Protein backbone atom coordinates (compact mmCIF):
# COMPACT_ATOMS: atom_id res chain seq x y z
CA MET A 1 -0.04 0.26 -0.09
CA LYS A 2 2.80 2.17 0.84
CA ALA A 3 4.58 1.82 -2.26
CA THR A 4 1.22 2.64 -4.43
CA THR A 5 0.93 5.78 -2.31
CA LEU A 6 4.22 6.93 -3.18
CA LEU A 7 4.63 5.78 -6.59
CA ILE A 8 1.29 7.78 -7.61
CA LEU A 9 2.68 10.95 -5.19
CA LEU A 10 5.65 10.45 -7.63
CA LEU A 11 3.91 10.21 -11.18
CA VAL A 12 1.48 13.29 -10.21
CA SER A 13 4.58 14.79 -9.11
CA ILE A 14 6.59 14.51 -12.32
CA SER A 15 3.45 14.98 -14.46
CA SER A 16 2.42 18.29 -12.76
CA PRO A 17 4.03 21.46 -14.26
CA VAL A 18 5.98 23.49 -11.14
CA VAL A 19 3.85 27.23 -11.74
CA ALA A 20 5.19 30.00 -9.67
CA ASP A 21 2.88 31.98 -7.69
CA GLU A 22 3.27 35.43 -7.75
CA SER A 23 0.98 36.01 -5.12
CA ALA A 24 3.12 34.03 -2.97
CA GLU A 25 5.69 36.08 -2.96
CA THR A 26 6.30 36.90 1.26
CA SER A 27 6.23 40.46 2.53
CA ASP A 28 9.79 39.99 3.09
CA SER A 29 10.92 39.84 -0.17
CA ALA A 30 8.35 42.56 -1.09
CA GLU A 31 10.11 44.47 1.19
CA SER A 32 13.28 43.65 -0.06
CA ALA A 33 12.54 44.15 -3.58
CA ILE A 34 11.31 47.74 -3.13
CA ARG A 35 14.38 48.68 -0.76
CA ASP A 36 16.54 47.43 -3.79
CA VAL A 37 14.41 49.62 -6.49
CA ARG A 38 14.77 52.49 -4.29
CA GLU A 39 18.49 52.15 -3.96
CA LYS A 40 18.38 51.93 -8.23
CA PHE A 41 16.89 54.93 -8.14
CA ASN A 42 18.95 56.94 -5.69
CA GLN A 43 21.87 55.88 -7.39
CA ALA A 44 19.84 56.79 -10.94
CA ILE A 45 20.13 60.19 -9.41
CA LYS A 46 22.99 60.53 -7.82
CA SER A 47 25.14 59.62 -11.14
CA LYS A 48 22.45 61.80 -13.03
CA ASN A 49 21.02 58.65 -15.66
CA VAL A 50 17.31 59.60 -16.25
CA ASP A 51 17.22 56.63 -18.31
CA ALA A 52 17.38 54.02 -15.62
CA ILE A 53 15.03 56.45 -13.36
CA LYS A 54 12.32 56.06 -16.25
CA PRO A 55 11.27 52.49 -16.02
CA LEU A 56 11.48 52.87 -11.88
CA PHE A 57 7.35 54.51 -13.09
CA ALA A 58 4.01 52.89 -13.95
CA PRO A 59 2.43 54.67 -16.78
CA ASP A 60 0.14 56.81 -14.92
CA TYR A 61 3.03 57.70 -11.94
CA HIS A 62 1.87 61.09 -10.37
CA ILE A 63 3.67 62.79 -8.11
CA VAL A 64 3.21 65.89 -5.41
CA THR A 65 6.34 67.80 -5.03
CA GLY A 66 7.34 69.39 -1.43
CA ARG A 67 6.61 72.79 -3.32
CA SER A 68 2.95 71.07 -3.61
CA ALA A 69 3.83 71.39 -7.53
CA GLN A 70 2.00 68.26 -9.26
CA TYR A 71 3.01 65.90 -12.48
CA HIS A 72 1.43 62.71 -13.89
CA GLY A 73 2.46 60.55 -16.41
CA ALA A 74 5.70 58.70 -16.48
CA GLU A 75 7.36 60.44 -19.72
CA ASN A 76 5.98 63.64 -17.77
CA GLU A 77 8.28 62.97 -15.08
CA TYR A 78 10.93 61.78 -16.84
CA GLN A 79 11.08 64.89 -18.92
CA ASN A 80 11.00 66.80 -15.69
CA TRP A 81 14.26 64.71 -14.03
CA GLN A 82 16.20 65.58 -17.76
CA SER A 83 15.74 69.11 -17.40
CA LEU A 84 16.76 69.32 -13.31
CA PHE A 85 19.86 67.36 -14.17
CA ALA A 86 20.67 69.84 -17.34
CA ASP A 87 20.16 73.11 -15.22
CA ASP A 88 21.44 72.09 -12.07
CA PRO A 89 23.87 69.44 -12.12
CA SER A 90 25.27 69.83 -8.51
CA PHE A 91 21.67 68.40 -8.18
CA VAL A 92 21.65 65.36 -5.82
CA CYS A 93 18.36 63.87 -3.60
CA ASN A 94 18.09 60.59 -1.46
CA ARG A 95 15.43 58.98 0.05
CA GLU A 96 15.49 56.63 2.52
CA PRO A 97 12.47 53.94 3.64
CA ARG A 98 11.61 53.80 6.79
CA GLU A 99 8.97 51.58 6.85
CA ILE A 100 7.21 49.10 3.78
CA ARG A 101 3.99 47.49 3.82
CA ALA A 102 2.73 44.71 0.87
CA ASN A 103 0.18 43.24 0.31
CA ASN A 104 1.14 40.70 -2.18
CA ASP A 105 -2.21 39.05 -2.67
CA TRP A 106 -3.40 42.72 -4.34
CA GLY A 107 0.31 43.51 -5.85
CA LEU A 108 0.03 46.82 -3.84
CA ALA A 109 2.72 47.75 -1.36
CA GLU A 110 2.94 51.41 0.83
CA GLU A 111 6.76 52.98 1.47
CA LEU A 112 6.96 55.60 4.07
CA GLY A 113 10.73 57.38 4.37
CA ASN A 114 12.73 60.84 4.95
CA TRP A 115 14.34 62.67 2.03
CA THR A 116 17.00 65.12 1.56
CA CYS A 117 17.99 67.13 -1.42
CA ASN A 118 20.58 69.72 -2.24
CA TYR A 119 21.29 71.87 -4.80
CA ILE A 120 22.43 75.16 -6.39
CA VAL A 121 19.83 78.17 -6.84
CA ASP A 122 21.65 81.85 -7.53
CA GLY A 123 24.78 80.30 -6.76
CA GLU A 124 24.25 79.59 -2.99
CA LYS A 125 23.95 75.80 -1.79
CA ILE A 126 20.20 74.83 -0.33
CA ASN A 127 19.71 72.21 1.45
CA SER A 128 16.18 70.55 2.02
CA SER A 129 14.34 67.50 3.75
CA GLY A 130 11.64 66.01 4.52
CA VAL A 131 9.48 62.48 4.28
CA TYR A 132 7.69 61.03 1.45
CA ALA A 133 5.24 58.58 1.20
CA ALA A 134 4.94 56.00 -2.12
CA LYS A 135 2.65 53.60 -3.52
CA TRP A 136 3.82 50.67 -5.15
CA GLN A 137 2.31 48.27 -7.72
CA ARG A 138 3.45 44.97 -9.00
CA ALA A 139 3.74 44.41 -12.74
CA GLU A 140 2.72 41.48 -15.11
CA ASN A 141 6.65 40.57 -15.29
CA GLY A 142 6.61 40.94 -11.43
CA ALA A 143 8.26 44.06 -11.16
CA TRP A 144 7.76 46.95 -8.30
CA LEU A 145 6.75 49.90 -9.82
CA LEU A 146 6.15 53.68 -8.62
CA GLN A 147 2.64 54.55 -8.75
CA ALA A 148 2.27 57.64 -6.84
CA GLU A 149 5.01 59.56 -4.51
CA VAL A 150 4.18 62.52 -1.96
CA PHE A 151 6.90 64.52 -0.61
CA THR A 152 6.27 66.94 2.21
CA THR A 153 9.07 69.67 2.95
CA LEU A 154 9.41 70.06 6.69
CA ALA A 155 13.10 72.14 6.78
CA CYS A 156 14.43 74.22 3.70
CA GLU A 157 17.99 76.10 4.86
CA GLY A 158 19.82 78.53 2.32
CA ILE A 159 18.39 81.57 0.82
CA GLU A 160 15.02 82.90 0.25
CA ASN A 161 14.46 82.29 -3.27
CA GLY A 162 15.59 78.60 -2.72
CA CYS A 163 13.45 78.11 -0.13
CA ARG A 164 10.22 79.41 -1.66
CA ARG A 165 7.23 77.92 -0.22
CA PRO A 166 4.69 76.75 -2.05
CA ASP A 167 1.67 79.74 -3.52
CA ALA A 168 -1.38 78.96 -0.86
CA LEU A 169 -4.08 77.40 -2.07
CA ILE A 170 -6.65 79.44 -3.81
CA VAL A 171 -10.16 78.33 -2.01
CA LYS A 172 -13.21 78.98 -4.46
CA PRO A 173 -16.80 80.81 -2.48
CA LYS A 174 -18.98 77.59 -2.75
CA ILE A 175 -21.89 79.08 -4.01
CA GLN A 176 -25.35 79.21 -2.02
CA ILE A 177 -28.48 78.87 -3.35
CA ARG A 178 -31.40 79.85 -1.66
CA LEU A 179 -35.47 78.93 -2.45
CA ILE A 180 -37.60 81.51 -2.46
CA GLU A 181 -40.76 80.79 -1.27
């Protein structure tokens, strides 16, 4: 009986193809993969390699910058990085993840971290820093891509022109409709 059971198990295992289950990825491996991609992004910024940055974005990538400017689309962000590197070759920025949480079944992850940037404005060095939140999504090929990032500036040191505050939001007054009886 034992020999028959073992033979059946052996035949089933030989005839059944082994398929990798992407949802079986652990939170630790998702976190490690995202940290690796974040480090590639940091290295691409450091080396001013825009071609290494572009594939890290989902096609509909969205960003809210530390000054509250908003940009949409991977191509648009690629062009922003090209302009930034051309306009200020001294620019360097680093993002350090503090926490990464993943929903492996859905292929989604959240990254929270701290950022620092150094750049030149009017010949003066500017140091800015803050916190960020990033949303990642796993692509069909298993790669983790940045879907959205929100940066909040908490400190900026340097000349006023380099540490410009964002413009205040303009809130349109609500239209009130009164019914006349």
